[in-house]
Amino acid sequence: MRIGVLGTGNMADALATHWARAGHEVTIGGRDAHKAERLATRIGDGAKPAGLRTAAEFGQVVLAALPFGAGAGVARELHTALDGKVLLDCSNPVGPGFRLLTERGPSAAQQLAAAAPGAHVVKAFNLCHEDVWRMRPPVFDGRPLAVPVCGDDQAALTRVHELVRDVGCEPVAGGGLERAGLLEATAALFIGLWVGEGADAQAIAPPLAYAAGPRHEGTSLHHRGEPR
């Protein structure tokens, strides 16, 4: 698969390194040619440096590894180069006090979709710190990390699921792009718990068998959420 990367920061480094090692063709795009060249050299495995537009034109999948606030502007600038491409958004619109910067407006992913209407935008890889994505692979207690993926185009989702597996993780269908805001809000909550409170965010969810409540014979009404 041909992958264009927009950005030269930590997320670009972490994810593109996995994909280059998995045999994908990777082009790193940046406004600063020296940063793009340094990152491509560090990634190795045939990764090449380029400008933003060249990376967008190159990729079948284009990773927008850009800060929230910059992504939509870059996508708008490159929208013709992104037509028909999978545009993968890993950004988190989280600000001071772990506040969700999109508030009640469109999610970061929806803003990318509006800026590049010919692209197939997919949201993924936004729930973990870049050092988690650098792990080879991200496995905890013997279980691969699950990665929720949101998008509307099935072919685009299939490509992103493949890239999730190439990182060593398991893709989880998160619904359409309208649910990307839920992923972004989850990141804001989790980051606030992890960083602000020092809490184990993973501990807030019960095991799957208990997700709908404990199962007891003779309590079917209660099990369905109705009063006993």
C-alpha atoms as a PDB file:
ATOM      1  CA  MET A   1       0.000   0.000   0.000  1.00  0.00           C
ATOM      2  CA  ARG A   2       1.204   3.547  -0.696  1.00  0.00           C
ATOM      3  CA  ILE A   3       1.003   5.746   2.396  1.00  0.00           C
ATOM      4  CA  GLY A   4       1.500   9.487   2.426  1.00  0.00           C
ATOM      5  CA  VAL A   5       2.118  11.115   5.801  1.00  0.00           C
ATOM      6  CA  LEU A   6       1.265  14.749   6.459  1.00  0.00           C
ATOM      7  CA  GLY A   7       3.424  15.861   9.362  1.00  0.00           C
ATOM      8  CA  THR A   8       6.823  15.107  10.847  1.00  0.00           C
ATOM      9  CA  GLY A   9       5.988  14.802  14.544  1.00  0.00           C
ATOM     10  CA  ASN A  10       5.762  11.956  17.018  1.00  0.00           C
ATOM     11  CA  MET A  11       2.601  10.309  15.692  1.00  0.00           C
ATOM     12  CA  ALA A  12       3.952  10.382  12.147  1.00  0.00           C
ATOM     13  CA  ASP A  13       7.142   8.754  13.415  1.00  0.00           C
ATOM     14  CA  ALA A  14       5.441   6.077  15.511  1.00  0.00           C
ATOM     15  CA  LEU A  15       2.840   4.909  12.997  1.00  0.00           C
ATOM     16  CA  ALA A  16       4.833   5.272   9.794  1.00  0.00           C
ATOM     17  CA  THR A  17       7.679   3.231  11.280  1.00  0.00           C
ATOM     18  CA  HIS A  18       5.346   0.237  11.734  1.00  0.00           C
ATOM     19  CA  TRP A  19       3.947   0.574   8.229  1.00  0.00           C
ATOM     20  CA  ALA A  20       7.330   0.886   6.547  1.00  0.00           C
ATOM     21  CA  ARG A  21       8.546  -2.208   8.400  1.00  0.00           C
ATOM     22  CA  ALA A  22       5.404  -4.043   7.263  1.00  0.00           C
ATOM     23  CA  GLY A  23       6.420  -3.410   3.654  1.00  0.00           C
ATOM     24  CA  HIS A  24       4.240  -0.432   2.745  1.00  0.00           C
ATOM     25  CA  GLU A  25       5.662   2.376   0.635  1.00  0.00           C
ATOM     26  CA  VAL A  26       5.841   5.468   2.845  1.00  0.00           C
ATOM     27  CA  THR A  27       6.387   9.092   1.882  1.00  0.00           C
ATOM     28  CA  ILE A  28       6.823  11.650   4.669  1.00  0.00           C
ATOM     29  CA  GLY A  29       5.465  15.085   3.801  1.00  0.00           C
ATOM     30  CA  GLY A  30       6.330  18.266   5.655  1.00  0.00           C
ATOM     31  CA  ARG A  31       6.588  22.000   5.093  1.00  0.00           C
ATOM     32  CA  ASP A  32      10.132  21.801   6.478  1.00  0.00           C
ATOM     33  CA  ALA A  33      12.166  19.703   4.024  1.00  0.00           C
ATOM     34  CA  HIS A  34      14.922  19.046   6.578  1.00  0.00           C
ATOM     35  CA  LYS A  35      12.464  17.644   9.143  1.00  0.00           C
ATOM     36  CA  ALA A  36      10.863  15.428   6.512  1.00  0.00           C
ATOM     37  CA  GLU A  37      14.261  14.135   5.450  1.00  0.00           C
ATOM     38  CA  ARG A  38      15.356  13.451   9.037  1.00  0.00           C
ATOM     39  CA  LEU A  39      12.179  11.541   9.797  1.00  0.00           C
ATOM     40  CA  ALA A  40      12.327   9.492   6.589  1.00  0.00           C
ATOM     41  CA  THR A  41      15.929   8.593   7.375  1.00  0.00           C
ATOM     42  CA  ARG A  42      15.041   7.580  10.934  1.00  0.00           C
ATOM     43  CA  ILE A  43      12.140   5.421   9.741  1.00  0.00           C
ATOM     44  CA  GLY A  44      14.230   3.747   7.050  1.00  0.00           C
ATOM     45  CA  ASP A  45      12.816   0.783   5.124  1.00  0.00           C
ATOM     46  CA  GLY A  46      12.528   2.860   1.978  1.00  0.00           C
ATOM     47  CA  ALA A  47      10.645   5.810   3.465  1.00  0.00           C
ATOM     48  CA  LYS A  48      11.092   8.957   1.377  1.00  0.00           C
ATOM     49  CA  PRO A  49      10.854  12.679   2.226  1.00  0.00           C
ATOM     50  CA  ALA A  50       8.675  15.087   0.271  1.00  0.00           C
ATOM     51  CA  GLY A  51       6.507  18.160   0.516  1.00  0.00           C
ATOM     52  CA  LEU A  52       2.935  17.996   1.788  1.00  0.00           C
ATOM     53  CA  ARG A  53       1.304  17.986  -1.643  1.00  0.00           C
ATOM     54  CA  THR A  54       3.630  15.307  -3.019  1.00  0.00           C
ATOM     55  CA  ALA A  55       2.903  13.071  -0.009  1.00  0.00           C
ATOM     56  CA  ALA A  56      -0.849  13.586  -0.460  1.00  0.00           C
ATOM     57  CA  GLU A  57      -0.641  12.781  -4.159  1.00  0.00           C
ATOM     58  CA  PHE A  58       1.486   9.691  -3.479  1.00  0.00           C
ATOM     59  CA  GLY A  59      -0.653   7.963  -0.874  1.00  0.00           C
ATOM     60  CA  GLN A  60      -3.586   5.661  -1.343  1.00  0.00           C
ATOM     61  CA  VAL A  61      -3.949   6.287   2.366  1.00  0.00           C
ATOM     62  CA  VAL A  62      -2.900   9.694   3.707  1.00  0.00           C
ATOM     63  CA  LEU A  63      -2.238  10.010   7.435  1.00  0.00           C
ATOM     64  CA  ALA A  64      -3.033  13.473   8.777  1.00  0.00           C
ATOM     65  CA  ALA A  65      -0.589  13.489  11.697  1.00  0.00           C
ATOM     66  CA  LEU A  66      -1.223  17.156  12.385  1.00  0.00           C
ATOM     67  CA  PRO A  67      -2.284  19.143  15.442  1.00  0.00           C
ATOM     68  CA  PHE A  68      -5.935  20.018  15.753  1.00  0.00           C
ATOM     69  CA  GLY A  69      -6.373  23.458  14.267  1.00  0.00           C
ATOM     70  CA  ALA A  70      -3.821  22.844  11.540  1.00  0.00           C
ATOM     71  CA  GLY A  71      -5.358  19.726   9.991  1.00  0.00           C
ATOM     72  CA  ALA A  72      -8.401  21.290   8.360  1.00  0.00           C
ATOM     73  CA  GLY A  73      -6.331  24.108   6.874  1.00  0.00           C
ATOM     74  CA  VAL A  74      -3.838  21.674   5.323  1.00  0.00           C
ATOM     75  CA  ALA A  75      -6.654  19.441   4.045  1.00  0.00           C
ATOM     76  CA  ARG A  76      -8.344  22.466   2.458  1.00  0.00           C
ATOM     77  CA  GLU A  77      -5.074  23.471   0.808  1.00  0.00           C
ATOM     78  CA  LEU A  78      -4.521  19.945  -0.550  1.00  0.00           C
ATOM     79  CA  HIS A  79      -8.118  18.951  -1.222  1.00  0.00           C
ATOM     80  CA  THR A  80      -7.641  18.227  -4.926  1.00  0.00           C
ATOM     81  CA  ALA A  81      -4.709  15.918  -4.137  1.00  0.00           C
ATOM     82  CA  LEU A  82      -6.843  14.102  -1.560  1.00  0.00           C
ATOM     83  CA  ASP A  83      -9.794  13.325  -3.844  1.00  0.00           C
ATOM     84  CA  GLY A  84     -10.614   9.628  -3.690  1.00  0.00           C
ATOM     85  CA  LYS A  85      -7.963   8.982  -1.026  1.00  0.00           C
ATOM     86  CA  VAL A  86      -8.372   7.551   2.464  1.00  0.00           C
ATOM     87  CA  LEU A  87      -7.625  10.420   4.841  1.00  0.00           C
ATOM     88  CA  LEU A  88      -6.746   8.986   8.249  1.00  0.00           C
ATOM     89  CA  ASP A  89      -7.190  11.352  11.210  1.00  0.00           C
ATOM     90  CA  CYS A  90      -5.428  10.597  14.502  1.00  0.00           C
ATOM     91  CA  SER A  91      -5.743  14.054  16.065  1.00  0.00           C
ATOM     92  CA  ASN A  92      -7.176  14.972  19.453  1.00  0.00           C
ATOM     93  CA  PRO A  93      -8.885  18.349  19.894  1.00  0.00           C
ATOM     94  CA  VAL A  94      -7.985  18.524  23.589  1.00  0.00           C
ATOM     95  CA  GLY A  95      -6.976  21.814  25.194  1.00  0.00           C
ATOM     96  CA  PRO A  96      -6.058  23.221  28.606  1.00  0.00           C
ATOM     97  CA  GLY A  97      -7.864  21.537  31.466  1.00  0.00           C
ATOM     98  CA  PHE A  98      -8.420  18.523  29.190  1.00  0.00           C
ATOM     99  CA  ARG A  99     -11.278  20.422  27.554  1.00  0.00           C
ATOM    100  CA  LEU A 100     -12.702  19.193  24.257  1.00  0.00           C
ATOM    101  CA  LEU A 101     -11.971  22.062  21.875  1.00  0.00           C
ATOM    102  CA  THR A 102     -14.705  21.143  19.414  1.00  0.00           C
ATOM    103  CA  GLU A 103     -17.292  21.566  22.190  1.00  0.00           C
ATOM    104  CA  ARG A 104     -20.686  20.943  20.531  1.00  0.00           C
ATOM    105  CA  GLY A 105     -19.527  21.577  16.985  1.00  0.00           C
ATOM    106  CA  PRO A 106     -18.237  19.165  14.329  1.00  0.00           C
ATOM    107  CA  SER A 107     -15.541  16.728  15.404  1.00  0.00           C
ATOM    108  CA  ALA A 108     -11.963  17.151  14.205  1.00  0.00           C
ATOM    109  CA  ALA A 109     -12.570  14.301  11.756  1.00  0.00           C
ATOM    110  CA  GLN A 110     -15.748  15.917  10.410  1.00  0.00           C
ATOM    111  CA  GLN A 111     -13.858  19.185   9.964  1.00  0.00           C
ATOM    112  CA  LEU A 112     -11.287  17.337   7.855  1.00  0.00           C
ATOM    113  CA  ALA A 113     -14.097  15.799   5.798  1.00  0.00           C
ATOM    114  CA  ALA A 114     -15.606  19.240   5.192  1.00  0.00           C
ATOM    115  CA  ALA A 115     -12.212  20.633   4.173  1.00  0.00           C
ATOM    116  CA  ALA A 116     -11.519  17.763   1.743  1.00  0.00           C
ATOM    117  CA  PRO A 117     -14.973  16.608   0.607  1.00  0.00           C
ATOM    118  CA  GLY A 118     -13.576  14.227  -2.007  1.00  0.00           C
ATOM    119  CA  ALA A 119     -11.602  12.220   0.577  1.00  0.00           C
ATOM    120  CA  HIS A 120     -12.827   9.257   2.627  1.00  0.00           C
ATOM    121  CA  VAL A 121     -12.028  10.331   6.193  1.00  0.00           C
ATOM    122  CA  VAL A 122     -11.445   7.671   8.854  1.00  0.00           C
ATOM    123  CA  LYS A 123     -10.792   8.295  12.560  1.00  0.00           C
ATOM    124  CA  ALA A 124      -8.400   5.994  14.436  1.00  0.00           C
ATOM    125  CA  PHE A 125      -5.256   5.871  16.601  1.00  0.00           C
ATOM    126  CA  ASN A 126      -6.288   8.826  18.801  1.00  0.00           C
ATOM    127  CA  LEU A 127      -6.731   7.127  22.178  1.00  0.00           C
ATOM    128  CA  CYS A 128      -3.092   6.472  23.092  1.00  0.00           C
ATOM    129  CA  HIS A 129       0.145   8.349  23.609  1.00  0.00           C
ATOM    130  CA  GLU A 130       2.622   8.074  20.747  1.00  0.00           C
ATOM    131  CA  ASP A 131       4.935   5.911  22.890  1.00  0.00           C
ATOM    132  CA  VAL A 132       2.246   3.227  22.963  1.00  0.00           C
ATOM    133  CA  TRP A 133       2.181   3.206  19.165  1.00  0.00           C
ATOM    134  CA  ARG A 134       5.973   2.819  19.159  1.00  0.00           C
ATOM    135  CA  MET A 135       5.681  -0.520  20.994  1.00  0.00           C
ATOM    136  CA  ARG A 136       6.331  -3.610  18.884  1.00  0.00           C
ATOM    137  CA  PRO A 137       3.590  -4.644  19.288  1.00  0.00           C
ATOM    138  CA  PRO A 138       1.249  -2.854  21.753  1.00  0.00           C
ATOM    139  CA  VAL A 139       0.245  -5.906  23.797  1.00  0.00           C
ATOM    140  CA  PHE A 140      -0.863  -5.693  27.426  1.00  0.00           C
ATOM    141  CA  ASP A 141      -1.359  -8.745  29.661  1.00  0.00           C
ATOM    142  CA  GLY A 142      -1.091 -10.918  26.560  1.00  0.00           C
ATOM    143  CA  ARG A 143      -3.889  -9.083  24.747  1.00  0.00           C
ATOM    144  CA  PRO A 144      -3.288  -6.869  21.692  1.00  0.00           C
ATOM    145  CA  LEU A 145      -4.508  -3.311  22.025  1.00  0.00           C
ATOM    146  CA  ALA A 146      -7.918  -2.703  20.431  1.00  0.00           C
ATOM    147  CA  VAL A 147      -8.241   0.340  18.151  1.00  0.00           C
ATOM    148  CA  PRO A 148     -11.713   1.809  17.487  1.00  0.00           C
ATOM    149  CA  VAL A 149     -12.137   2.924  13.877  1.00  0.00           C
ATOM    150  CA  CYS A 150     -14.880   5.273  12.631  1.00  0.00           C
ATOM    151  CA  GLY A 151     -15.703   5.973   8.988  1.00  0.00           C
ATOM    152  CA  ASP A 152     -18.400   5.811   6.331  1.00  0.00           C
ATOM    153  CA  ASP A 153     -16.665   4.184   3.350  1.00  0.00           C
ATOM    154  CA  GLN A 154     -16.252   0.419   3.557  1.00  0.00           C
ATOM    155  CA  ALA A 155     -13.217   0.237   1.271  1.00  0.00           C
ATOM    156  CA  ALA A 156     -11.505   2.940   3.327  1.00  0.00           C
ATOM    157  CA  LEU A 157     -12.307   1.105   6.547  1.00  0.00           C
ATOM    158  CA  THR A 158     -10.855  -2.116   5.121  1.00  0.00           C
ATOM    159  CA  ARG A 159      -7.576  -0.359   4.356  1.00  0.00           C
ATOM    160  CA  VAL A 160      -7.368   1.212   7.799  1.00  0.00           C
ATOM    161  CA  HIS A 161      -8.170  -2.107   9.497  1.00  0.00           C
ATOM    162  CA  GLU A 162      -5.180  -3.573   7.657  1.00  0.00           C
ATOM    163  CA  LEU A 163      -2.965  -0.754   8.909  1.00  0.00           C
ATOM    164  CA  VAL A 164      -4.217  -1.269  12.476  1.00  0.00           C
ATOM    165  CA  ARG A 165      -3.198  -4.925  12.269  1.00  0.00           C
ATOM    166  CA  ASP A 166       0.195  -3.926  10.865  1.00  0.00           C
ATOM    167  CA  VAL A 167       0.792  -1.963  14.082  1.00  0.00           C
ATOM    168  CA  GLY A 168       0.068  -5.179  16.000  1.00  0.00           C
ATOM    169  CA  CYS A 169      -3.398  -4.147  17.193  1.00  0.00           C
ATOM    170  CA  GLU A 170      -6.963  -5.331  16.640  1.00  0.00           C
ATOM    171  CA  PRO A 171      -9.410  -3.029  14.813  1.00  0.00           C
ATOM    172  CA  VAL A 172     -12.827  -2.461  16.372  1.00  0.00           C
ATOM    173  CA  ALA A 173     -15.725  -1.120  14.300  1.00  0.00           C
ATOM    174  CA  GLY A 174     -16.667   2.185  15.924  1.00  0.00           C
ATOM    175  CA  GLY A 175     -19.476   3.152  13.558  1.00  0.00           C
ATOM    176  CA  GLY A 176     -19.758   5.943  11.031  1.00  0.00           C
ATOM    177  CA  LEU A 177     -17.815   9.175  10.961  1.00  0.00           C
ATOM    178  CA  GLU A 178     -20.568  10.870  12.972  1.00  0.00           C
ATOM    179  CA  ARG A 179     -19.281   8.860  15.941  1.00  0.00           C
ATOM    180  CA  ALA A 180     -15.721  10.192  15.623  1.00  0.00           C
ATOM    181  CA  GLY A 181     -16.639  12.917  18.104  1.00  0.00           C
ATOM    182  CA  LEU A 182     -17.293  10.218  20.686  1.00  0.00           C
ATOM    183  CA  LEU A 183     -13.756   8.898  20.183  1.00  0.00           C
ATOM    184  CA  GLU A 184     -12.376  12.404  20.602  1.00  0.00           C
ATOM    185  CA  ALA A 185     -14.444  12.968  23.741  1.00  0.00           C
ATOM    186  CA  THR A 186     -13.250   9.617  25.097  1.00  0.00           C
ATOM    187  CA  ALA A 187      -9.661  10.740  24.563  1.00  0.00           C
ATOM    188  CA  ALA A 188     -10.338  13.974  26.462  1.00  0.00           C
ATOM    189  CA  LEU A 189     -11.847  11.993  29.340  1.00  0.00           C
ATOM    190  CA  PHE A 190      -9.074   9.393  29.424  1.00  0.00           C
ATOM    191  CA  ILE A 191      -6.253  11.931  29.189  1.00  0.00           C
ATOM    192  CA  GLY A 192      -7.821  13.873  32.047  1.00  0.00           C
ATOM    193  CA  LEU A 193      -8.037  10.709  34.158  1.00  0.00           C
ATOM    194  CA  TRP A 194      -4.543   9.486  33.307  1.00  0.00           C
ATOM    195  CA  VAL A 195      -2.668  12.765  33.464  1.00  0.00           C
ATOM    196  CA  GLY A 196      -4.846  14.917  35.683  1.00  0.00           C
ATOM    197  CA  GLU A 197      -5.915  12.372  38.270  1.00  0.00           C
ATOM    198  CA  GLY A 198      -3.363   9.587  37.928  1.00  0.00           C
ATOM    199  CA  ALA A 199      -6.295   7.180  37.603  1.00  0.00           C
ATOM    200  CA  ASP A 200      -6.394   3.899  35.680  1.00  0.00           C
ATOM    201  CA  ALA A 201      -8.906   4.744  32.961  1.00  0.00           C
ATOM    202  CA  GLN A 202      -9.013   1.111  31.857  1.00  0.00           C
ATOM    203  CA  ALA A 203     -10.486   0.173  35.227  1.00  0.00           C
ATOM    204  CA  ILE A 204     -13.699   2.143  34.611  1.00  0.00           C
ATOM    205  CA  ALA A 205     -15.057  -0.479  32.168  1.00  0.00           C
ATOM    206  CA  PRO A 206     -16.362  -3.857  33.412  1.00  0.00           C
ATOM    207  CA  PRO A 207     -15.526  -7.101  31.603  1.00  0.00           C
ATOM    208  CA  LEU A 208     -17.595  -7.704  28.467  1.00  0.00           C
ATOM    209  CA  ALA A 209     -19.707 -10.376  30.185  1.00  0.00           C
ATOM    210  CA  TYR A 210     -20.959  -7.691  32.580  1.00  0.00           C
ATOM    211  CA  ALA A 211     -21.366  -4.860  30.081  1.00  0.00           C
ATOM    212  CA  ALA A 212     -25.161  -5.202  30.027  1.00  0.00           C
ATOM    213  CA  GLY A 213     -25.398  -6.046  33.724  1.00  0.00           C
ATOM    214  CA  PRO A 214     -24.927  -9.357  35.562  1.00  0.00           C
ATOM    215  CA  ARG A 215     -26.986 -12.216  34.180  1.00  0.00           C
ATOM    216  CA  HIS A 216     -29.217 -14.040  36.662  1.00  0.00           C
ATOM    217  CA  GLU A 217     -31.942 -16.560  35.908  1.00  0.00           C
ATOM    218  CA  GLY A 218     -35.450 -15.366  36.597  1.00  0.00           C
ATOM    219  CA  THR A 219     -34.631 -11.661  36.280  1.00  0.00           C
ATOM    220  CA  SER A 220     -35.166 -11.162  32.571  1.00  0.00           C
ATOM    221  CA  LEU A 221     -37.068  -7.894  33.001  1.00  0.00           C
ATOM    222  CA  HIS A 222     -34.296  -6.437  35.136  1.00  0.00           C
ATOM    223  CA  HIS A 223     -31.694  -7.711  32.674  1.00  0.00           C
ATOM    224  CA  ARG A 224     -33.404  -5.743  29.887  1.00  0.00           C
ATOM    225  CA  GLY A 225     -33.111  -2.604  31.962  1.00  0.00           C
ATOM    226  CA  GLU A 226     -36.768  -2.623  33.091  1.00  0.00           C
ATOM    227  CA  PRO A 227     -37.874  -2.286  36.727  1.00  0.00           C
ATOM    228  CA  ARG A 228     -38.140  -5.471  38.726  1.00  0.00           C
END
